[in-house]
Amino acid sequence: AARGAYDHNLNNGTPFYHIAGHTPHLLIDAIFPGRHDRVLAMHSTCSYRDVVAFTRCGGETVTTGIWPFRTTRHYTAYNGHHPHPRFSTGGVDVTHRDYPNRTEFANPAP
């Protein structure tokens, strides 16, 4: 209920730095579009405005559809949301539940 009560992507000028996980799993790959950390898809962890099969944080150009109906569109994250500069924009090799147990992700300075 709290998630729907306000737009959690609005940051009032405070920058947010995102770290996305990428840990493939055969069953979960069929559920989540694009890369994921086995609980959240990259469109959520990178604060994208749309749900698409993303492969990186920080903006991506995606082509969809079959020829001759293919379309190409550039997607960006909400204003003030950025990929963390110390980590890969393609996702780090960590599952969602392992984030708190990894010291390199506990409090990474930008």
PDB file of N, CA and C in Angstrom:
ATOM      1  N   ALA A   1       0.822  -1.192   0.000  1.00  0.00           N
ATOM      2  CA  ALA A   1       0.000   0.000   0.000  1.00  0.00           C
ATOM      3  C   ALA A   1       0.867   1.257   0.000  1.00  0.00           C
ATOM      4  N   ALA A   2       1.968   1.238   0.729  1.00  0.00           N
ATOM      5  CA  ALA A   2       2.836   2.418   0.807  1.00  0.00           C
ATOM      6  C   ALA A   2       3.456   2.726  -0.547  1.00  0.00           C
ATOM      7  N   ARG A   3       3.812   1.679  -1.298  1.00  0.00           N
ATOM      8  CA  ARG A   3       4.446   1.897  -2.601  1.00  0.00           C
ATOM      9  C   ARG A   3       3.526   2.656  -3.547  1.00  0.00           C
ATOM     10  N   GLY A   4       2.236   2.386  -3.501  1.00  0.00           N
ATOM     11  CA  GLY A   4       1.296   3.062  -4.374  1.00  0.00           C
ATOM     12  C   GLY A   4       0.855   4.425  -3.885  1.00  0.00           C
ATOM     13  N   ALA A   5       1.221   4.798  -2.665  1.00  0.00           N
ATOM     14  CA  ALA A   5       0.779   6.053  -2.079  1.00  0.00           C
ATOM     15  C   ALA A   5       1.537   7.269  -2.616  1.00  0.00           C
ATOM     16  N   TYR A   6       2.720   7.061  -3.170  1.00  0.00           N
ATOM     17  CA  TYR A   6       3.503   8.175  -3.701  1.00  0.00           C
ATOM     18  C   TYR A   6       4.427   7.640  -4.791  1.00  0.00           C
ATOM     19  N   ASP A   7       4.974   8.531  -5.603  1.00  0.00           N
ATOM     20  CA  ASP A   7       5.906   8.146  -6.650  1.00  0.00           C
ATOM     21  C   ASP A   7       7.302   8.048  -6.037  1.00  0.00           C
ATOM     22  N   HIS A   8       7.761   6.845  -5.782  1.00  0.00           N
ATOM     23  CA  HIS A   8       9.051   6.651  -5.116  1.00  0.00           C
ATOM     24  C   HIS A   8      10.238   6.988  -6.004  1.00  0.00           C
ATOM     25  N   ASN A   9      10.008   7.329  -7.268  1.00  0.00           N
ATOM     26  CA  ASN A   9      11.096   7.738  -8.149  1.00  0.00           C
ATOM     27  C   ASN A   9      11.377   9.239  -8.089  1.00  0.00           C
ATOM     28  N   LEU A  10      10.475  10.015  -7.519  1.00  0.00           N
ATOM     29  CA  LEU A  10      10.727  11.451  -7.367  1.00  0.00           C
ATOM     30  C   LEU A  10      11.683  11.641  -6.195  1.00  0.00           C
ATOM     31  N   ASN A  11      12.727  12.426  -6.411  1.00  0.00           N
ATOM     32  CA  ASN A  11      13.771  12.524  -5.391  1.00  0.00           C
ATOM     33  C   ASN A  11      13.987  13.925  -4.848  1.00  0.00           C
ATOM     34  N   ASN A  12      13.222  14.900  -5.303  1.00  0.00           N
ATOM     35  CA  ASN A  12      13.339  16.272  -4.802  1.00  0.00           C
ATOM     36  C   ASN A  12      14.777  16.784  -4.825  1.00  0.00           C
ATOM     37  N   GLY A  13      15.519  16.453  -5.869  1.00  0.00           N
ATOM     38  CA  GLY A  13      16.875  16.968  -6.039  1.00  0.00           C
ATOM     39  C   GLY A  13      17.972  16.134  -5.398  1.00  0.00           C
ATOM     40  N   THR A  14      17.637  15.101  -4.651  1.00  0.00           N
ATOM     41  CA  THR A  14      18.640  14.241  -4.028  1.00  0.00           C
ATOM     42  C   THR A  14      19.067  13.176  -5.038  1.00  0.00           C
ATOM     43  N   PRO A  15      20.360  13.074  -5.344  1.00  0.00           N
ATOM     44  CA  PRO A  15      20.782  12.051  -6.308  1.00  0.00           C
ATOM     45  C   PRO A  15      20.724  10.654  -5.689  1.00  0.00           C
ATOM     46  N   PHE A  16      20.280   9.684  -6.487  1.00  0.00           N
ATOM     47  CA  PHE A  16      20.263   8.288  -6.081  1.00  0.00           C
ATOM     48  C   PHE A  16      21.178   7.519  -7.025  1.00  0.00           C
ATOM     49  N   TYR A  17      22.055   6.687  -6.457  1.00  0.00           N
ATOM     50  CA  TYR A  17      22.972   5.875  -7.242  1.00  0.00           C
ATOM     51  C   TYR A  17      22.547   4.419  -7.126  1.00  0.00           C
ATOM     52  N   HIS A  18      22.371   3.770  -8.269  1.00  0.00           N
ATOM     53  CA  HIS A  18      21.834   2.416  -8.300  1.00  0.00           C
ATOM     54  C   HIS A  18      22.910   1.381  -8.596  1.00  0.00           C
ATOM     55  N   ILE A  19      22.761   0.232  -7.957  1.00  0.00           N
ATOM     56  CA  ILE A  19      23.579  -0.939  -8.228  1.00  0.00           C
ATOM     57  C   ILE A  19      22.599  -2.047  -8.597  1.00  0.00           C
ATOM     58  N   ALA A  20      22.717  -2.564  -9.797  1.00  0.00           N
ATOM     59  CA  ALA A  20      21.817  -3.626 -10.238  1.00  0.00           C
ATOM     60  C   ALA A  20      22.548  -4.961 -10.193  1.00  0.00           C
ATOM     61  N   GLY A  21      21.823  -5.984  -9.793  1.00  0.00           N
ATOM     62  CA  GLY A  21      22.381  -7.329  -9.798  1.00  0.00           C
ATOM     63  C   GLY A  21      22.091  -8.017 -11.114  1.00  0.00           C
ATOM     64  N   HIS A  22      22.956  -8.944 -11.479  1.00  0.00           N
ATOM     65  CA  HIS A  22      22.699  -9.766 -12.662  1.00  0.00           C
ATOM     66  C   HIS A  22      23.132 -11.185 -12.334  1.00  0.00           C
ATOM     67  N   THR A  23      22.163 -12.025 -11.979  1.00  0.00           N
ATOM     68  CA  THR A  23      22.437 -13.411 -11.624  1.00  0.00           C
ATOM     69  C   THR A  23      21.440 -14.308 -12.349  1.00  0.00           C
ATOM     70  N   PRO A  24      21.767 -14.745 -13.554  1.00  0.00           N
ATOM     71  CA  PRO A  24      20.835 -15.541 -14.352  1.00  0.00           C
ATOM     72  C   PRO A  24      20.370 -16.810 -13.641  1.00  0.00           C
ATOM     73  N   HIS A  25      19.137 -17.190 -13.921  1.00  0.00           N
ATOM     74  CA  HIS A  25      18.539 -18.407 -13.375  1.00  0.00           C
ATOM     75  C   HIS A  25      17.479 -18.844 -14.385  1.00  0.00           C
ATOM     76  N   LEU A  26      17.517 -20.084 -14.822  1.00  0.00           N
ATOM     77  CA  LEU A  26      16.648 -20.534 -15.918  1.00  0.00           C
ATOM     78  C   LEU A  26      15.172 -20.268 -15.669  1.00  0.00           C
ATOM     79  N   LEU A  27      14.651 -20.604 -14.511  1.00  0.00           N
ATOM     80  CA  LEU A  27      13.231 -20.409 -14.232  1.00  0.00           C
ATOM     81  C   LEU A  27      12.884 -18.929 -14.105  1.00  0.00           C
ATOM     82  N   ILE A  28      13.689 -18.195 -13.375  1.00  0.00           N
ATOM     83  CA  ILE A  28      13.394 -16.778 -13.122  1.00  0.00           C
ATOM     84  C   ILE A  28      13.607 -15.936 -14.375  1.00  0.00           C
ATOM     85  N   ASP A  29      14.497 -16.364 -15.270  1.00  0.00           N
ATOM     86  CA  ASP A  29      14.705 -15.654 -16.540  1.00  0.00           C
ATOM     87  C   ASP A  29      13.412 -15.578 -17.350  1.00  0.00           C
ATOM     88  N   ALA A  30      12.548 -16.570 -17.205  1.00  0.00           N
ATOM     89  CA  ALA A  30      11.284 -16.576 -17.938  1.00  0.00           C
ATOM     90  C   ALA A  30      10.269 -15.595 -17.348  1.00  0.00           C
ATOM     91  N   ILE A  31      10.467 -15.195 -16.099  1.00  0.00           N
ATOM     92  CA  ILE A  31       9.528 -14.300 -15.406  1.00  0.00           C
ATOM     93  C   ILE A  31       9.932 -12.834 -15.554  1.00  0.00           C
ATOM     94  N   PHE A  32      11.208 -12.528 -15.316  1.00  0.00           N
ATOM     95  CA  PHE A  32      11.680 -11.150 -15.347  1.00  0.00           C
ATOM     96  C   PHE A  32      12.228 -10.795 -16.722  1.00  0.00           C
ATOM     97  N   PRO A  33      11.829  -9.647 -17.271  1.00  0.00           N
ATOM     98  CA  PRO A  33      12.394  -9.235 -18.555  1.00  0.00           C
ATOM     99  C   PRO A  33      13.816  -8.698 -18.386  1.00  0.00           C
ATOM    100  N   GLY A  34      14.727  -9.084 -19.253  1.00  0.00           N
ATOM    101  CA  GLY A  34      16.094  -8.576 -19.189  1.00  0.00           C
ATOM    102  C   GLY A  34      16.870  -9.126 -18.009  1.00  0.00           C
ATOM    103  N   ARG A  35      17.846  -8.374 -17.536  1.00  0.00           N
ATOM    104  CA  ARG A  35      18.683  -8.805 -16.421  1.00  0.00           C
ATOM    105  C   ARG A  35      17.969  -8.568 -15.104  1.00  0.00           C
ATOM    106  N   HIS A  36      18.380  -9.311 -14.069  1.00  0.00           N
ATOM    107  CA  HIS A  36      17.711  -9.241 -12.778  1.00  0.00           C
ATOM    108  C   HIS A  36      18.637  -9.790 -11.695  1.00  0.00           C
ATOM    109  N   ASP A  37      18.243  -9.571 -10.438  1.00  0.00           N
ATOM    110  CA  ASP A  37      19.010 -10.101  -9.313  1.00  0.00           C
ATOM    111  C   ASP A  37      18.266 -11.254  -8.623  1.00  0.00           C
ATOM    112  N   ARG A  38      17.359 -11.884  -9.344  1.00  0.00           N
ATOM    113  CA  ARG A  38      16.517 -13.007  -8.934  1.00  0.00           C
ATOM    114  C   ARG A  38      15.300 -12.598  -8.118  1.00  0.00           C
ATOM    115  N   VAL A  39      15.155 -11.313  -7.824  1.00  0.00           N
ATOM    116  CA  VAL A  39      13.943 -10.815  -7.167  1.00  0.00           C
ATOM    117  C   VAL A  39      13.412  -9.595  -7.907  1.00  0.00           C
ATOM    118  N   LEU A  40      14.300  -8.689  -8.298  1.00  0.00           N
ATOM    119  CA  LEU A  40      13.913  -7.466  -9.002  1.00  0.00           C
ATOM    120  C   LEU A  40      14.562  -7.416 -10.377  1.00  0.00           C
ATOM    121  N   ALA A  41      13.767  -7.026 -11.361  1.00  0.00           N
ATOM    122  CA  ALA A  41      14.301  -6.844 -12.709  1.00  0.00           C
ATOM    123  C   ALA A  41      15.073  -5.537 -12.780  1.00  0.00           C
ATOM    124  N   MET A  42      15.960  -5.419 -13.759  1.00  0.00           N
ATOM    125  CA  MET A  42      16.807  -4.233 -13.883  1.00  0.00           C
ATOM    126  C   MET A  42      15.988  -2.956 -14.089  1.00  0.00           C
ATOM    127  N   HIS A  43      14.791  -3.048 -14.677  1.00  0.00           N
ATOM    128  CA  HIS A  43      14.003  -1.826 -14.833  1.00  0.00           C
ATOM    129  C   HIS A  43      13.603  -1.255 -13.476  1.00  0.00           C
ATOM    130  N   SER A  44      13.498  -2.081 -12.452  1.00  0.00           N
ATOM    131  CA  SER A  44      13.182  -1.588 -11.100  1.00  0.00           C
ATOM    132  C   SER A  44      14.429  -1.106 -10.381  1.00  0.00           C
ATOM    133  N   THR A  45      15.494  -1.907 -10.404  1.00  0.00           N
ATOM    134  CA  THR A  45      16.687  -1.544  -9.646  1.00  0.00           C
ATOM    135  C   THR A  45      17.421  -0.350 -10.233  1.00  0.00           C
ATOM    136  N   CYS A  46      17.198  -0.043 -11.498  1.00  0.00           N
ATOM    137  CA  CYS A  46      17.853   1.115 -12.120  1.00  0.00           C
ATOM    138  C   CYS A  46      16.918   2.305 -12.266  1.00  0.00           C
ATOM    139  N   SER A  47      15.682   2.188 -11.775  1.00  0.00           N
ATOM    140  CA  SER A  47      14.704   3.271 -11.774  1.00  0.00           C
ATOM    141  C   SER A  47      14.343   3.755 -13.179  1.00  0.00           C
ATOM    142  N   TYR A  48      14.116   2.792 -14.093  1.00  0.00           N
ATOM    143  CA  TYR A  48      13.660   3.156 -15.426  1.00  0.00           C
ATOM    144  C   TYR A  48      12.187   3.557 -15.394  1.00  0.00           C
ATOM    145  N   ARG A  49      11.796   4.350 -16.360  1.00  0.00           N
ATOM    146  CA  ARG A  49      10.414   4.817 -16.459  1.00  0.00           C
ATOM    147  C   ARG A  49       9.495   3.768 -17.066  1.00  0.00           C
ATOM    148  N   ASP A  50      10.036   2.774 -17.732  1.00  0.00           N
ATOM    149  CA  ASP A  50       9.245   1.775 -18.438  1.00  0.00           C
ATOM    150  C   ASP A  50       9.721   0.371 -18.090  1.00  0.00           C
ATOM    151  N   VAL A  51       8.881  -0.609 -18.341  1.00  0.00           N
ATOM    152  CA  VAL A  51       9.230  -2.010 -18.133  1.00  0.00           C
ATOM    153  C   VAL A  51       9.623  -2.599 -19.482  1.00  0.00           C
ATOM    154  N   VAL A  52      10.930  -2.810 -19.646  1.00  0.00           N
ATOM    155  CA  VAL A  52      11.488  -3.358 -20.874  1.00  0.00           C
ATOM    156  C   VAL A  52      12.606  -4.311 -20.461  1.00  0.00           C
ATOM    157  N   ALA A  53      13.042  -5.169 -21.350  1.00  0.00           N
ATOM    158  CA  ALA A  53      14.113  -6.113 -21.059  1.00  0.00           C
ATOM    159  C   ALA A  53      15.468  -5.407 -21.099  1.00  0.00           C
ATOM    160  N   PHE A  54      15.786  -4.646 -20.058  1.00  0.00           N
ATOM    161  CA  PHE A  54      17.026  -3.882 -20.016  1.00  0.00           C
ATOM    162  C   PHE A  54      18.230  -4.758 -19.704  1.00  0.00           C
ATOM    163  N   THR A  55      19.400  -4.337 -20.207  1.00  0.00           N
ATOM    164  CA  THR A  55      20.642  -5.052 -19.948  1.00  0.00           C
ATOM    165  C   THR A  55      21.687  -4.166 -19.281  1.00  0.00           C
ATOM    166  N   ARG A  56      21.334  -2.909 -18.989  1.00  0.00           N
ATOM    167  CA  ARG A  56      22.278  -2.009 -18.321  1.00  0.00           C
ATOM    168  C   ARG A  56      21.545  -0.861 -17.645  1.00  0.00           C
ATOM    169  N   CYS A  57      22.171  -0.255 -16.651  1.00  0.00           N
ATOM    170  CA  CYS A  57      21.637   0.932 -15.978  1.00  0.00           C
ATOM    171  C   CYS A  57      22.096   2.191 -16.705  1.00  0.00           C
ATOM    172  N   GLY A  58      21.385   3.277 -16.507  1.00  0.00           N
ATOM    173  CA  GLY A  58      21.837   4.572 -16.984  1.00  0.00           C
ATOM    174  C   GLY A  58      21.363   4.994 -18.356  1.00  0.00           C
ATOM    175  N   GLY A  59      20.464   4.257 -18.947  1.00  0.00           N
ATOM    176  CA  GLY A  59      19.966   4.590 -20.271  1.00  0.00           C
ATOM    177  C   GLY A  59      20.320   3.514 -21.272  1.00  0.00           C
ATOM    178  N   GLU A  60      19.371   3.225 -22.144  1.00  0.00           N
ATOM    179  CA  GLU A  60      19.609   2.159 -23.105  1.00  0.00           C
ATOM    180  C   GLU A  60      18.702   2.346 -24.313  1.00  0.00           C
ATOM    181  N   THR A  61      19.226   2.015 -25.484  1.00  0.00           N
ATOM    182  CA  THR A  61      18.440   2.017 -26.702  1.00  0.00           C
ATOM    183  C   THR A  61      18.026   0.583 -26.993  1.00  0.00           C
ATOM    184  N   VAL A  62      16.717   0.363 -27.128  1.00  0.00           N
ATOM    185  CA  VAL A  62      16.179  -0.980 -27.315  1.00  0.00           C
ATOM    186  C   VAL A  62      15.376  -1.031 -28.613  1.00  0.00           C
ATOM    187  N   THR A  63      15.641  -2.052 -29.410  1.00  0.00           N
ATOM    188  CA  THR A  63      14.880  -2.293 -30.637  1.00  0.00           C
ATOM    189  C   THR A  63      13.986  -3.500 -30.413  1.00  0.00           C
ATOM    190  N   THR A  64      12.697  -3.357 -30.711  1.00  0.00           N
ATOM    191  CA  THR A  64      11.748  -4.437 -30.500  1.00  0.00           C
ATOM    192  C   THR A  64      10.925  -4.678 -31.765  1.00  0.00           C
ATOM    193  N   GLY A  65      10.255  -5.808 -31.789  1.00  0.00           N
ATOM    194  CA  GLY A  65       9.372  -6.134 -32.905  1.00  0.00           C
ATOM    195  C   GLY A  65      10.072  -6.941 -33.978  1.00  0.00           C
ATOM    196  N   ILE A  66       9.282  -7.372 -34.933  1.00  0.00           N
ATOM    197  CA  ILE A  66       9.821  -8.139 -36.048  1.00  0.00           C
ATOM    198  C   ILE A  66       9.795  -7.273 -37.301  1.00  0.00           C
ATOM    199  N   TRP A  67      10.693  -7.567 -38.225  1.00  0.00           N
ATOM    200  CA  TRP A  67      10.758  -6.809 -39.467  1.00  0.00           C
ATOM    201  C   TRP A  67       9.476  -7.047 -40.239  1.00  0.00           C
ATOM    202  N   PRO A  68       8.836  -6.106 -40.823  1.00  0.00           N
ATOM    203  CA  PRO A  68       9.209  -4.705 -41.022  1.00  0.00           C
ATOM    204  C   PRO A  68       8.610  -3.768 -39.970  1.00  0.00           C
ATOM    205  N   PHE A  69       8.185  -4.309 -38.842  1.00  0.00           N
ATOM    206  CA  PHE A  69       7.511  -3.505 -37.820  1.00  0.00           C
ATOM    207  C   PHE A  69       8.414  -3.196 -36.628  1.00  0.00           C
ATOM    208  N   ARG A  70       9.710  -3.215 -36.803  1.00  0.00           N
ATOM    209  CA  ARG A  70      10.655  -2.958 -35.708  1.00  0.00           C
ATOM    210  C   ARG A  70      10.632  -1.482 -35.320  1.00  0.00           C
ATOM    211  N   THR A  71      10.764  -1.232 -34.045  1.00  0.00           N
ATOM    212  CA  THR A  71      10.861   0.139 -33.548  1.00  0.00           C
ATOM    213  C   THR A  71      12.057   0.235 -32.603  1.00  0.00           C
ATOM    214  N   THR A  72      12.701   1.367 -32.611  1.00  0.00           N
ATOM    215  CA  THR A  72      13.846   1.621 -31.739  1.00  0.00           C
ATOM    216  C   THR A  72      13.509   2.818 -30.858  1.00  0.00           C
ATOM    217  N   ARG A  73      13.778   2.665 -29.570  1.00  0.00           N
ATOM    218  CA  ARG A  73      13.463   3.728 -28.614  1.00  0.00           C
ATOM    219  C   ARG A  73      14.569   3.817 -27.567  1.00  0.00           C
ATOM    220  N   HIS A  74      14.886   5.048 -27.152  1.00  0.00           N
ATOM    221  CA  HIS A  74      15.876   5.260 -26.099  1.00  0.00           C
ATOM    222  C   HIS A  74      15.147   5.453 -24.779  1.00  0.00           C
ATOM    223  N   TYR A  75      15.562   4.695 -23.770  1.00  0.00           N
ATOM    224  CA  TYR A  75      14.960   4.759 -22.435  1.00  0.00           C
ATOM    225  C   TYR A  75      15.946   5.368 -21.453  1.00  0.00           C
ATOM    226  N   THR A  76      15.418   6.153 -20.529  1.00  0.00           N
ATOM    227  CA  THR A  76      16.254   6.763 -19.498  1.00  0.00           C
ATOM    228  C   THR A  76      15.623   6.515 -18.126  1.00  0.00           C
ATOM    229  N   ALA A  77      16.432   6.663 -17.105  1.00  0.00           N
ATOM    230  CA  ALA A  77      15.938   6.549 -15.735  1.00  0.00           C
ATOM    231  C   ALA A  77      15.285   7.869 -15.328  1.00  0.00           C
ATOM    232  N   TYR A  78      14.587   7.846 -14.219  1.00  0.00           N
ATOM    233  CA  TYR A  78      14.010   9.081 -13.690  1.00  0.00           C
ATOM    234  C   TYR A  78      15.109  10.080 -13.390  1.00  0.00           C
ATOM    235  N   ASN A  79      14.783  11.383 -13.409  1.00  0.00           N
ATOM    236  CA  ASN A  79      15.758  12.432 -13.117  1.00  0.00           C
ATOM    237  C   ASN A  79      16.368  12.214 -11.748  1.00  0.00           C
ATOM    238  N   GLY A  80      17.696  12.368 -11.677  1.00  0.00           N
ATOM    239  CA  GLY A  80      18.395  12.235 -10.406  1.00  0.00           C
ATOM    240  C   GLY A  80      18.769  10.805 -10.052  1.00  0.00           C
ATOM    241  N   HIS A  81      18.417   9.841 -10.891  1.00  0.00           N
ATOM    242  CA  HIS A  81      18.766   8.441 -10.660  1.00  0.00           C
ATOM    243  C   HIS A  81      19.878   8.066 -11.623  1.00  0.00           C
ATOM    244  N   HIS A  82      20.994   7.534 -11.074  1.00  0.00           N
ATOM    245  CA  HIS A  82      22.186   7.270 -11.871  1.00  0.00           C
ATOM    246  C   HIS A  82      22.754   5.894 -11.540  1.00  0.00           C
ATOM    247  N   PRO A  83      23.459   5.284 -12.486  1.00  0.00           N
ATOM    248  CA  PRO A  83      24.187   4.060 -12.131  1.00  0.00           C
ATOM    249  C   PRO A  83      25.346   4.441 -11.218  1.00  0.00           C
ATOM    250  N   HIS A  84      25.664   3.591 -10.256  1.00  0.00           N
ATOM    251  CA  HIS A  84      26.770   3.889  -9.355  1.00  0.00           C
ATOM    252  C   HIS A  84      28.079   3.838 -10.142  1.00  0.00           C
ATOM    253  N   PRO A  85      28.934   4.862 -10.032  1.00  0.00           N
ATOM    254  CA  PRO A  85      30.144   4.915 -10.855  1.00  0.00           C
ATOM    255  C   PRO A  85      31.184   3.842 -10.523  1.00  0.00           C
ATOM    256  N   ARG A  86      31.108   3.201  -9.349  1.00  0.00           N
ATOM    257  CA  ARG A  86      32.103   2.191  -8.985  1.00  0.00           C
ATOM    258  C   ARG A  86      31.755   0.788  -9.465  1.00  0.00           C
ATOM    259  N   PHE A  87      30.537   0.600  -9.989  1.00  0.00           N
ATOM    260  CA  PHE A  87      30.106  -0.750 -10.338  1.00  0.00           C
ATOM    261  C   PHE A  87      29.630  -0.806 -11.790  1.00  0.00           C
ATOM    262  N   SER A  88      29.608  -1.999 -12.331  1.00  0.00           N
ATOM    263  CA  SER A  88      29.233  -2.209 -13.730  1.00  0.00           C
ATOM    264  C   SER A  88      27.801  -1.776 -14.003  1.00  0.00           C
ATOM    265  N   THR A  89      27.593  -1.084 -15.116  1.00  0.00           N
ATOM    266  CA  THR A  89      26.234  -0.706 -15.504  1.00  0.00           C
ATOM    267  C   THR A  89      25.463  -1.919 -16.007  1.00  0.00           C
ATOM    268  N   GLY A  90      26.171  -3.012 -16.314  1.00  0.00           N
ATOM    269  CA  GLY A  90      25.521  -4.227 -16.778  1.00  0.00           C
ATOM    270  C   GLY A  90      25.082  -5.142 -15.657  1.00  0.00           C
ATOM    271  N   GLY A  91      25.275  -4.720 -14.422  1.00  0.00           N
ATOM    272  CA  GLY A  91      24.868  -5.524 -13.271  1.00  0.00           C
ATOM    273  C   GLY A  91      26.051  -6.234 -12.642  1.00  0.00           C
ATOM    274  N   VAL A  92      25.993  -6.398 -11.349  1.00  0.00           N
ATOM    275  CA  VAL A  92      27.046  -7.090 -10.608  1.00  0.00           C
ATOM    276  C   VAL A  92      26.573  -8.503 -10.301  1.00  0.00           C
ATOM    277  N   ASP A  93      27.514  -9.396 -10.108  1.00  0.00           N
ATOM    278  CA  ASP A  93      27.211 -10.808  -9.899  1.00  0.00           C
ATOM    279  C   ASP A  93      26.842 -11.066  -8.431  1.00  0.00           C
ATOM    280  N   VAL A  94      25.617 -10.668  -8.072  1.00  0.00           N
ATOM    281  CA  VAL A  94      25.145 -10.879  -6.699  1.00  0.00           C
ATOM    282  C   VAL A  94      23.623 -11.042  -6.736  1.00  0.00           C
ATOM    283  N   THR A  95      23.127 -11.952  -5.914  1.00  0.00           N
ATOM    284  CA  THR A  95      21.683 -12.137  -5.842  1.00  0.00           C
ATOM    285  C   THR A  95      21.080 -11.099  -4.908  1.00  0.00           C
ATOM    286  N   HIS A  96      19.790 -10.911  -4.998  1.00  0.00           N
ATOM    287  CA  HIS A  96      19.087  -9.900  -4.205  1.00  0.00           C
ATOM    288  C   HIS A  96      19.302 -10.102  -2.702  1.00  0.00           C
ATOM    289  N   ARG A  97      19.191 -11.310  -2.235  1.00  0.00           N
ATOM    290  CA  ARG A  97      19.313 -11.527  -0.793  1.00  0.00           C
ATOM    291  C   ARG A  97      20.750 -11.494  -0.293  1.00  0.00           C
ATOM    292  N   ASP A  98      21.729 -11.526  -1.206  1.00  0.00           N
ATOM    293  CA  ASP A  98      23.135 -11.461  -0.794  1.00  0.00           C
ATOM    294  C   ASP A  98      23.681 -10.039  -0.679  1.00  0.00           C
ATOM    295  N   TYR A  99      22.939  -9.024  -1.171  1.00  0.00           N
ATOM    296  CA  TYR A  99      23.429  -7.643  -1.088  1.00  0.00           C
ATOM    297  C   TYR A  99      23.845  -7.250   0.328  1.00  0.00           C
ATOM    298  N   PRO A 100      23.027  -7.498   1.363  1.00  0.00           N
ATOM    299  CA  PRO A 100      23.420  -7.060   2.712  1.00  0.00           C
ATOM    300  C   PRO A 100      24.654  -7.770   3.256  1.00  0.00           C
ATOM    301  N   ASN A 101      24.994  -8.926   2.702  1.00  0.00           N
ATOM    302  CA  ASN A 101      26.128  -9.700   3.201  1.00  0.00           C
ATOM    303  C   ASN A 101      27.437  -9.359   2.506  1.00  0.00           C
ATOM    304  N   ARG A 102      27.398  -8.474   1.542  1.00  0.00           N
ATOM    305  CA  ARG A 102      28.597  -8.126   0.775  1.00  0.00           C
ATOM    306  C   ARG A 102      29.074  -6.734   1.177  1.00  0.00           C
ATOM    307  N   THR A 103      30.256  -6.658   1.766  1.00  0.00           N
ATOM    308  CA  THR A 103      30.765  -5.396   2.289  1.00  0.00           C
ATOM    309  C   THR A 103      30.984  -4.345   1.205  1.00  0.00           C
ATOM    310  N   GLU A 104      31.324  -4.755  -0.026  1.00  0.00           N
ATOM    311  CA  GLU A 104      31.559  -3.769  -1.084  1.00  0.00           C
ATOM    312  C   GLU A 104      30.299  -3.014  -1.490  1.00  0.00           C
ATOM    313  N   PHE A 105      29.105  -3.544  -1.114  1.00  0.00           N
ATOM    314  CA  PHE A 105      27.854  -2.884  -1.443  1.00  0.00           C
ATOM    315  C   PHE A 105      27.210  -2.202  -0.235  1.00  0.00           C
ATOM    316  N   ALA A 106      27.758  -2.403   0.950  1.00  0.00           N
ATOM    317  CA  ALA A 106      27.122  -1.899   2.180  1.00  0.00           C
ATOM    318  C   ALA A 106      26.994  -0.371   2.182  1.00  0.00           C
ATOM    319  N   ASN A 107      28.041   0.352   1.840  1.00  0.00           N
ATOM    320  CA  ASN A 107      28.003   1.810   1.834  1.00  0.00           C
ATOM    321  C   ASN A 107      29.012   2.339   0.824  1.00  0.00           C
ATOM    322  N   PRO A 108      28.783   2.076  -0.468  1.00  0.00           N
ATOM    323  CA  PRO A 108      29.771   2.495  -1.470  1.00  0.00           C
ATOM    324  C   PRO A 108      29.661   3.989  -1.761  1.00  0.00           C
ATOM    325  N   ALA A 109      30.734   4.704  -1.536  1.00  0.00           N
ATOM    326  CA  ALA A 109      30.755   6.138  -1.845  1.00  0.00           C
ATOM    327  C   ALA A 109      30.821   6.320  -3.358  1.00  0.00           C
ATOM    328  N   PRO A 110      30.095   7.306  -3.909  1.00  0.00           N
ATOM    329  CA  PRO A 110      30.142   7.533  -5.368  1.00  0.00           C
ATOM    330  C   PRO A 110      31.481   8.065  -5.837  1.00  0.00           C
TER     331      PRO A 110
END
